[in-house]
Amino acid sequence: MTSLSVIIPAYNEERRLPATLERVLAWMASQSLEFGEVIVVNDGSADGTAVLVEGLLGAHPSLRLINNPGNRGKGYSVRNGVMEARGEWVLFSDADLSTPIEDVTRLFEAAADAHADIAIGSRAVDRSLVSKRQSPLRELSGRCFNLVMRTVTGLPFRDTQCGFKLYRATAAREVFSRQKLDGFSFDVEVLYIAQRLGIPAVEVPVRWANVEGTKVSAFNGLRSFADLVRIRTHRT
């Protein structure tokens, strides 16, 4: 690991971002990186998310803020960050740090061992690493989604929706430049595109603890199922 960009999509995250940024920036500073940056992509937040990050820029030269043109969705936010990233590797992580930033080491090691350009964090490979679970209903919904996802797309992964993924930057730009979905289904779409392009990916067990305050509504959850059909017809 020599060069890393950490992308944090943020929508109304004024409350959770301070602790998250403190931890991520401290971890970055502790690493022997030739280059490192943390990119917060503000997705048209209605609270003080942008102002908060702006106030930290002077004290943290490795911190950057990108503002979306309004509220466009998580997929749009991650793509926006990826296309602006300067590191050789790109990690995107949820603002709640459900997976601790330190677990990026697991992803790097797995990518190196498998000679992969993509390493995706997974809650399903080793469920003993999940310290705080979602509600039974959300867990059931997630497992149903994964079953349908694998049937429709042919992807082999047991958990595509964990918001902790590492991409080699060259692979990320190749994949995300073809991405079309702006919502939560983008995780499946970009992995499907990578598979079509022959870019190797590995699924890696990571620690995970559910944090209340999800931005995924019931409507968005249902739309994710419909998006699978759109993904299946994707032409790279």
C-alpha atoms as a PDB file:
ATOM      1  CA  MET A   1       0.000   0.000   0.000  1.00  0.00           C
ATOM      2  CA  THR A   2       1.679   3.187  -1.174  1.00  0.00           C
ATOM      3  CA  SER A   3      -1.079   5.562  -2.245  1.00  0.00           C
ATOM      4  CA  LEU A   4      -4.705   5.663  -1.098  1.00  0.00           C
ATOM      5  CA  SER A   5      -7.811   7.785  -1.581  1.00  0.00           C
ATOM      6  CA  VAL A   6     -10.629   7.246   0.924  1.00  0.00           C
ATOM      7  CA  ILE A   7     -14.038   8.330  -0.371  1.00  0.00           C
ATOM      8  CA  ILE A   8     -16.839   8.999   2.099  1.00  0.00           C
ATOM      9  CA  PRO A   9     -20.255   9.750   0.547  1.00  0.00           C
ATOM     10  CA  ALA A  10     -22.219  11.954   2.920  1.00  0.00           C
ATOM     11  CA  TYR A  11     -25.863  12.986   3.020  1.00  0.00           C
ATOM     12  CA  ASN A  12     -26.911  14.862   6.154  1.00  0.00           C
ATOM     13  CA  GLU A  13     -23.986  13.452   8.143  1.00  0.00           C
ATOM     14  CA  GLU A  14     -23.178  16.506  10.268  1.00  0.00           C
ATOM     15  CA  ARG A  15     -23.613  14.489  13.467  1.00  0.00           C
ATOM     16  CA  ARG A  16     -21.564  11.412  12.576  1.00  0.00           C
ATOM     17  CA  LEU A  17     -18.803  12.911  10.428  1.00  0.00           C
ATOM     18  CA  PRO A  18     -16.653  14.541  13.138  1.00  0.00           C
ATOM     19  CA  ALA A  19     -15.807  11.257  14.881  1.00  0.00           C
ATOM     20  CA  THR A  20     -15.488   9.421  11.572  1.00  0.00           C
ATOM     21  CA  LEU A  21     -13.105  11.953  10.047  1.00  0.00           C
ATOM     22  CA  GLU A  22     -11.031  12.114  13.206  1.00  0.00           C
ATOM     23  CA  ARG A  23     -10.555   8.350  13.149  1.00  0.00           C
ATOM     24  CA  VAL A  24      -9.923   8.067   9.414  1.00  0.00           C
ATOM     25  CA  LEU A  25      -7.484  10.982   9.290  1.00  0.00           C
ATOM     26  CA  ALA A  26      -5.599   9.643  12.324  1.00  0.00           C
ATOM     27  CA  TRP A  27      -5.335   6.223  10.708  1.00  0.00           C
ATOM     28  CA  MET A  28      -4.110   7.737   7.437  1.00  0.00           C
ATOM     29  CA  ALA A  29      -1.449   9.718   9.299  1.00  0.00           C
ATOM     30  CA  SER A  30      -0.217   6.539  11.004  1.00  0.00           C
ATOM     31  CA  GLN A  31       0.415   4.757   7.706  1.00  0.00           C
ATOM     32  CA  SER A  32       3.583   4.892   5.611  1.00  0.00           C
ATOM     33  CA  LEU A  33       1.845   6.258   2.547  1.00  0.00           C
ATOM     34  CA  GLU A  34       3.543   8.102  -0.277  1.00  0.00           C
ATOM     35  CA  PHE A  35       0.227   9.846  -0.811  1.00  0.00           C
ATOM     36  CA  GLY A  36      -3.072   9.787   1.036  1.00  0.00           C
ATOM     37  CA  GLU A  37      -6.309  11.744   0.893  1.00  0.00           C
ATOM     38  CA  VAL A  38      -9.804  11.640   2.343  1.00  0.00           C
ATOM     39  CA  ILE A  39     -12.560  12.851   0.024  1.00  0.00           C
ATOM     40  CA  VAL A  40     -15.958  13.699   1.490  1.00  0.00           C
ATOM     41  CA  VAL A  41     -18.606  13.852  -1.228  1.00  0.00           C
ATOM     42  CA  ASN A  42     -21.483  15.962   0.016  1.00  0.00           C
ATOM     43  CA  ASP A  43     -24.685  14.760  -1.647  1.00  0.00           C
ATOM     44  CA  GLY A  44     -26.759  17.922  -1.389  1.00  0.00           C
ATOM     45  CA  SER A  45     -27.076  17.745   2.392  1.00  0.00           C
ATOM     46  CA  ALA A  46     -29.669  19.976   4.038  1.00  0.00           C
ATOM     47  CA  ASP A  47     -27.750  20.162   7.321  1.00  0.00           C
ATOM     48  CA  GLY A  48     -24.280  21.484   8.118  1.00  0.00           C
ATOM     49  CA  THR A  49     -22.293  18.665   6.494  1.00  0.00           C
ATOM     50  CA  ALA A  50     -20.522  20.892   3.971  1.00  0.00           C
ATOM     51  CA  VAL A  51     -19.810  23.661   6.476  1.00  0.00           C
ATOM     52  CA  LEU A  52     -18.394  21.133   8.924  1.00  0.00           C
ATOM     53  CA  VAL A  53     -15.949  19.715   6.388  1.00  0.00           C
ATOM     54  CA  GLU A  54     -14.999  23.164   5.110  1.00  0.00           C
ATOM     55  CA  GLY A  55     -14.058  24.100   8.651  1.00  0.00           C
ATOM     56  CA  LEU A  56     -11.591  21.210   8.828  1.00  0.00           C
ATOM     57  CA  LEU A  57      -9.852  21.736   5.494  1.00  0.00           C
ATOM     58  CA  GLY A  58      -7.271  24.215   6.791  1.00  0.00           C
ATOM     59  CA  ALA A  59      -6.079  21.922   9.562  1.00  0.00           C
ATOM     60  CA  HIS A  60      -6.046  18.795   7.386  1.00  0.00           C
ATOM     61  CA  PRO A  61      -4.361  19.230   3.981  1.00  0.00           C
ATOM     62  CA  SER A  62      -5.203  15.632   3.046  1.00  0.00           C
ATOM     63  CA  LEU A  63      -8.939  16.303   3.411  1.00  0.00           C
ATOM     64  CA  ARG A  64     -11.006  17.310   0.387  1.00  0.00           C
ATOM     65  CA  LEU A  65     -14.653  18.252  -0.099  1.00  0.00           C
ATOM     66  CA  ILE A  66     -16.636  17.652  -3.282  1.00  0.00           C
ATOM     67  CA  ASN A  67     -20.190  18.970  -3.549  1.00  0.00           C
ATOM     68  CA  ASN A  68     -22.670  17.190  -5.789  1.00  0.00           C
ATOM     69  CA  PRO A  69     -25.101  19.336  -7.811  1.00  0.00           C
ATOM     70  CA  GLY A  70     -27.957  18.568  -5.428  1.00  0.00           C
ATOM     71  CA  ASN A  71     -29.033  15.279  -3.874  1.00  0.00           C
ATOM     72  CA  ARG A  72     -28.115  12.722  -6.545  1.00  0.00           C
ATOM     73  CA  GLY A  73     -27.698   9.450  -4.640  1.00  0.00           C
ATOM     74  CA  LYS A  74     -24.960   7.276  -3.165  1.00  0.00           C
ATOM     75  CA  GLY A  75     -23.951   5.788  -6.508  1.00  0.00           C
ATOM     76  CA  TYR A  76     -23.495   9.231  -8.017  1.00  0.00           C
ATOM     77  CA  SER A  77     -21.511  10.337  -4.969  1.00  0.00           C
ATOM     78  CA  VAL A  78     -19.096   7.419  -5.072  1.00  0.00           C
ATOM     79  CA  ARG A  79     -18.608   7.806  -8.823  1.00  0.00           C
ATOM     80  CA  ASN A  80     -17.940  11.521  -8.372  1.00  0.00           C
ATOM     81  CA  GLY A  81     -15.313  10.748  -5.749  1.00  0.00           C
ATOM     82  CA  VAL A  82     -13.698   7.971  -7.784  1.00  0.00           C
ATOM     83  CA  MET A  83     -13.285  10.161 -10.840  1.00  0.00           C
ATOM     84  CA  GLU A  84     -11.619  12.854  -8.711  1.00  0.00           C
ATOM     85  CA  ALA A  85      -9.388  10.517  -6.668  1.00  0.00           C
ATOM     86  CA  ARG A  86      -5.614  10.837  -6.999  1.00  0.00           C
ATOM     87  CA  GLY A  87      -4.453   7.706  -5.162  1.00  0.00           C
ATOM     88  CA  GLU A  88      -3.322   4.442  -6.743  1.00  0.00           C
ATOM     89  CA  TRP A  89      -5.987   2.651  -4.707  1.00  0.00           C
ATOM     90  CA  VAL A  90      -9.475   3.885  -3.860  1.00  0.00           C
ATOM     91  CA  LEU A  91     -11.470   2.853  -0.803  1.00  0.00           C
ATOM     92  CA  PHE A  92     -15.046   3.901  -0.311  1.00  0.00           C
ATOM     93  CA  SER A  93     -16.496   3.729   3.159  1.00  0.00           C
ATOM     94  CA  ASP A  94     -19.823   4.680   4.704  1.00  0.00           C
ATOM     95  CA  ALA A  95     -19.867   7.768   6.910  1.00  0.00           C
ATOM     96  CA  ASP A  96     -20.949   5.719   9.926  1.00  0.00           C
ATOM     97  CA  LEU A  97     -17.792   3.537   9.827  1.00  0.00           C
ATOM     98  CA  SER A  98     -19.824   0.378  10.328  1.00  0.00           C
ATOM     99  CA  THR A  99     -16.627  -1.327   9.234  1.00  0.00           C
ATOM    100  CA  PRO A 100     -13.614   0.193  11.015  1.00  0.00           C
ATOM    101  CA  ILE A 101     -11.122   1.933   8.766  1.00  0.00           C
ATOM    102  CA  GLU A 102      -8.370  -0.333  10.079  1.00  0.00           C
ATOM    103  CA  ASP A 103      -9.935  -3.248   8.184  1.00  0.00           C
ATOM    104  CA  VAL A 104      -8.707  -1.807   4.893  1.00  0.00           C
ATOM    105  CA  THR A 105      -5.557  -3.794   5.677  1.00  0.00           C
ATOM    106  CA  ARG A 106      -7.622  -6.982   5.279  1.00  0.00           C
ATOM    107  CA  LEU A 107      -8.713  -5.822   1.832  1.00  0.00           C
ATOM    108  CA  PHE A 108      -5.194  -4.951   0.693  1.00  0.00           C
ATOM    109  CA  GLU A 109      -3.813  -8.283   1.849  1.00  0.00           C
ATOM    110  CA  ALA A 110      -6.620 -10.241   0.188  1.00  0.00           C
ATOM    111  CA  ALA A 111      -6.231  -8.309  -3.068  1.00  0.00           C
ATOM    112  CA  ALA A 112      -2.498  -9.027  -3.091  1.00  0.00           C
ATOM    113  CA  ASP A 113      -2.959 -12.719  -2.309  1.00  0.00           C
ATOM    114  CA  ALA A 114      -5.619 -13.149  -5.017  1.00  0.00           C
ATOM    115  CA  HIS A 115      -3.914 -10.836  -7.543  1.00  0.00           C
ATOM    116  CA  ALA A 116      -7.210  -8.928  -7.637  1.00  0.00           C
ATOM    117  CA  ASP A 117      -7.911  -5.300  -8.535  1.00  0.00           C
ATOM    118  CA  ILE A 118     -11.041  -5.188  -6.367  1.00  0.00           C
ATOM    119  CA  ALA A 119     -11.562  -6.325  -2.770  1.00  0.00           C
ATOM    120  CA  ILE A 120     -15.052  -6.020  -1.301  1.00  0.00           C
ATOM    121  CA  GLY A 121     -15.796  -6.134   2.402  1.00  0.00           C
ATOM    122  CA  SER A 122     -18.365  -8.773   3.330  1.00  0.00           C
ATOM    123  CA  ARG A 123     -20.544  -9.433   6.352  1.00  0.00           C
ATOM    124  CA  ALA A 124     -21.603 -12.844   5.052  1.00  0.00           C
ATOM    125  CA  VAL A 125     -18.301 -14.697   4.707  1.00  0.00           C
ATOM    126  CA  ASP A 126     -17.688 -14.764   8.470  1.00  0.00           C
ATOM    127  CA  ARG A 127     -20.729 -13.665  10.445  1.00  0.00           C
ATOM    128  CA  SER A 128     -18.810 -13.997  13.714  1.00  0.00           C
ATOM    129  CA  LEU A 129     -17.195 -10.666  12.809  1.00  0.00           C
ATOM    130  CA  VAL A 130     -20.590  -8.911  12.953  1.00  0.00           C
ATOM    131  CA  SER A 131     -20.719  -7.468  16.461  1.00  0.00           C
ATOM    132  CA  LYS A 132     -24.073  -5.703  16.156  1.00  0.00           C
ATOM    133  CA  ARG A 133     -26.645  -7.103  13.754  1.00  0.00           C
ATOM    134  CA  GLN A 134     -29.422  -5.436  11.818  1.00  0.00           C
ATOM    135  CA  SER A 135     -33.045  -6.114  12.680  1.00  0.00           C
ATOM    136  CA  PRO A 136     -34.287  -9.601  11.677  1.00  0.00           C
ATOM    137  CA  LEU A 137     -36.470  -8.032   8.967  1.00  0.00           C
ATOM    138  CA  ARG A 138     -33.563  -6.132   7.405  1.00  0.00           C
ATOM    139  CA  GLU A 139     -31.330  -9.201   7.563  1.00  0.00           C
ATOM    140  CA  LEU A 140     -33.995 -11.304   5.857  1.00  0.00           C
ATOM    141  CA  SER A 141     -34.480  -8.640   3.198  1.00  0.00           C
ATOM    142  CA  GLY A 142     -30.725  -8.508   2.598  1.00  0.00           C
ATOM    143  CA  ARG A 143     -30.447 -12.265   2.194  1.00  0.00           C
ATOM    144  CA  CYS A 144     -33.392 -12.333  -0.212  1.00  0.00           C
ATOM    145  CA  PHE A 145     -31.835  -9.524  -2.231  1.00  0.00           C
ATOM    146  CA  ASN A 146     -28.525 -11.383  -2.422  1.00  0.00           C
ATOM    147  CA  LEU A 147     -30.220 -14.571  -3.576  1.00  0.00           C
ATOM    148  CA  VAL A 148     -32.098 -12.728  -6.319  1.00  0.00           C
ATOM    149  CA  MET A 149     -28.973 -10.739  -7.212  1.00  0.00           C
ATOM    150  CA  ARG A 150     -26.860 -13.859  -7.729  1.00  0.00           C
ATOM    151  CA  THR A 151     -29.622 -15.514  -9.770  1.00  0.00           C
ATOM    152  CA  VAL A 152     -30.146 -12.514 -12.041  1.00  0.00           C
ATOM    153  CA  THR A 153     -26.560 -11.310 -12.497  1.00  0.00           C
ATOM    154  CA  GLY A 154     -24.499 -14.453 -12.001  1.00  0.00           C
ATOM    155  CA  LEU A 155     -22.205 -12.655  -9.555  1.00  0.00           C
ATOM    156  CA  PRO A 156     -20.783 -15.065  -6.953  1.00  0.00           C
ATOM    157  CA  PHE A 157     -20.618 -12.674  -3.989  1.00  0.00           C
ATOM    158  CA  ARG A 158     -22.528 -13.318  -0.776  1.00  0.00           C
ATOM    159  CA  ASP A 159     -22.701  -9.649   0.233  1.00  0.00           C
ATOM    160  CA  THR A 160     -22.528  -6.842  -2.303  1.00  0.00           C
ATOM    161  CA  GLN A 161     -24.061  -4.150  -0.096  1.00  0.00           C
ATOM    162  CA  CYS A 162     -21.430  -3.751   2.620  1.00  0.00           C
ATOM    163  CA  GLY A 163     -20.249  -0.163   2.122  1.00  0.00           C
ATOM    164  CA  PHE A 164     -16.531  -0.914   2.406  1.00  0.00           C
ATOM    165  CA  LYS A 165     -14.788  -1.648  -0.894  1.00  0.00           C
ATOM    166  CA  LEU A 166     -11.298  -1.222  -2.298  1.00  0.00           C
ATOM    167  CA  TYR A 167     -10.473  -0.710  -5.980  1.00  0.00           C
ATOM    168  CA  ARG A 168      -7.232  -0.226  -7.816  1.00  0.00           C
ATOM    169  CA  ALA A 169      -7.728   3.280  -9.210  1.00  0.00           C
ATOM    170  CA  THR A 170      -7.200   2.290 -12.840  1.00  0.00           C
ATOM    171  CA  ALA A 171      -9.851  -0.419 -12.508  1.00  0.00           C
ATOM    172  CA  ALA A 172     -12.179   1.917 -10.628  1.00  0.00           C
ATOM    173  CA  ARG A 173     -12.108   4.545 -13.349  1.00  0.00           C
ATOM    174  CA  GLU A 174     -12.671   1.920 -16.037  1.00  0.00           C
ATOM    175  CA  VAL A 175     -15.673   0.536 -14.168  1.00  0.00           C
ATOM    176  CA  PHE A 176     -17.259   3.686 -12.762  1.00  0.00           C
ATOM    177  CA  SER A 177     -17.034   5.535 -16.078  1.00  0.00           C
ATOM    178  CA  ARG A 178     -19.556   2.950 -17.334  1.00  0.00           C
ATOM    179  CA  GLN A 179     -21.838   3.127 -14.291  1.00  0.00           C
ATOM    180  CA  LYS A 180     -25.388   4.334 -14.937  1.00  0.00           C
ATOM    181  CA  LEU A 181     -27.291   3.846 -11.664  1.00  0.00           C
ATOM    182  CA  ASP A 182     -27.080   6.652  -9.101  1.00  0.00           C
ATOM    183  CA  GLY A 183     -28.852   4.896  -6.228  1.00  0.00           C
ATOM    184  CA  PHE A 184     -28.002   2.117  -3.806  1.00  0.00           C
ATOM    185  CA  SER A 185     -27.921  -0.585  -6.506  1.00  0.00           C
ATOM    186  CA  PHE A 186     -24.694   0.835  -7.881  1.00  0.00           C
ATOM    187  CA  ASP A 187     -22.711  -1.664  -5.762  1.00  0.00           C
ATOM    188  CA  VAL A 188     -24.067  -4.541  -7.815  1.00  0.00           C
ATOM    189  CA  GLU A 189     -23.811  -2.644 -11.083  1.00  0.00           C
ATOM    190  CA  VAL A 190     -20.102  -1.827 -10.782  1.00  0.00           C
ATOM    191  CA  LEU A 191     -19.243  -5.391  -9.750  1.00  0.00           C
ATOM    192  CA  TYR A 192     -21.240  -6.689 -12.706  1.00  0.00           C
ATOM    193  CA  ILE A 193     -19.388  -4.313 -15.027  1.00  0.00           C
ATOM    194  CA  ALA A 194     -16.063  -5.443 -13.559  1.00  0.00           C
ATOM    195  CA  GLN A 195     -16.984  -9.060 -14.170  1.00  0.00           C
ATOM    196  CA  ARG A 196     -17.919  -8.285 -17.777  1.00  0.00           C
ATOM    197  CA  LEU A 197     -14.566  -6.528 -18.238  1.00  0.00           C
ATOM    198  CA  GLY A 198     -12.633  -9.413 -16.709  1.00  0.00           C
ATOM    199  CA  ILE A 199     -11.379  -7.396 -13.742  1.00  0.00           C
ATOM    200  CA  PRO A 200     -10.666  -9.794 -10.848  1.00  0.00           C
ATOM    201  CA  ALA A 201     -12.435  -9.225  -7.531  1.00  0.00           C
ATOM    202  CA  VAL A 202     -12.258 -10.967  -4.172  1.00  0.00           C
ATOM    203  CA  GLU A 203     -14.762 -11.016  -1.290  1.00  0.00           C
ATOM    204  CA  VAL A 204     -13.204 -10.450   2.125  1.00  0.00           C
ATOM    205  CA  PRO A 205     -14.671 -10.915   5.616  1.00  0.00           C
ATOM    206  CA  VAL A 206     -14.571  -7.678   7.618  1.00  0.00           C
ATOM    207  CA  ARG A 207     -15.716  -6.530  11.020  1.00  0.00           C
ATOM    208  CA  TRP A 208     -19.074  -4.802  10.996  1.00  0.00           C
ATOM    209  CA  ALA A 209     -21.428  -3.253  13.547  1.00  0.00           C
ATOM    210  CA  ASN A 210     -24.857  -1.951  12.606  1.00  0.00           C
ATOM    211  CA  VAL A 211     -25.300   1.783  13.200  1.00  0.00           C
ATOM    212  CA  GLU A 212     -28.835   3.122  13.385  1.00  0.00           C
ATOM    213  CA  GLY A 213     -29.872   5.858  10.988  1.00  0.00           C
ATOM    214  CA  THR A 214     -29.813   4.091   7.624  1.00  0.00           C
ATOM    215  CA  LYS A 215     -30.595   6.166   4.547  1.00  0.00           C
ATOM    216  CA  VAL A 216     -32.141   3.167   2.736  1.00  0.00           C
ATOM    217  CA  SER A 217     -35.920   3.557   2.687  1.00  0.00           C
ATOM    218  CA  ALA A 218     -38.400   0.773   1.987  1.00  0.00           C
ATOM    219  CA  PHE A 219     -39.040   2.320  -1.430  1.00  0.00           C
ATOM    220  CA  ASN A 220     -35.326   2.357  -2.271  1.00  0.00           C
ATOM    221  CA  GLY A 221     -35.081  -1.241  -1.127  1.00  0.00           C
ATOM    222  CA  LEU A 222     -37.835  -2.311  -3.497  1.00  0.00           C
ATOM    223  CA  ARG A 223     -36.334  -0.288  -6.326  1.00  0.00           C
ATOM    224  CA  SER A 224     -33.038  -2.143  -5.809  1.00  0.00           C
ATOM    225  CA  PHE A 225     -34.760  -5.395  -6.793  1.00  0.00           C
ATOM    226  CA  ALA A 226     -36.077  -3.785  -9.975  1.00  0.00           C
ATOM    227  CA  ASP A 227     -32.628  -2.362 -10.729  1.00  0.00           C
ATOM    228  CA  LEU A 228     -31.225  -5.888 -10.962  1.00  0.00           C
ATOM    229  CA  VAL A 229     -33.054  -6.363 -14.243  1.00  0.00           C
ATOM    230  CA  ARG A 230     -31.535  -3.147 -15.575  1.00  0.00           C
ATOM    231  CA  ILE A 231     -28.084  -4.274 -14.469  1.00  0.00           C
ATOM    232  CA  ARG A 232     -28.506  -7.630 -16.200  1.00  0.00           C
ATOM    233  CA  THR A 233     -29.083  -5.876 -19.510  1.00  0.00           C
ATOM    234  CA  HIS A 234     -26.071  -3.589 -19.062  1.00  0.00           C
ATOM    235  CA  ARG A 235     -23.833  -3.313 -22.110  1.00  0.00           C
ATOM    236  CA  THR A 236     -20.186  -2.536 -21.387  1.00  0.00           C
END
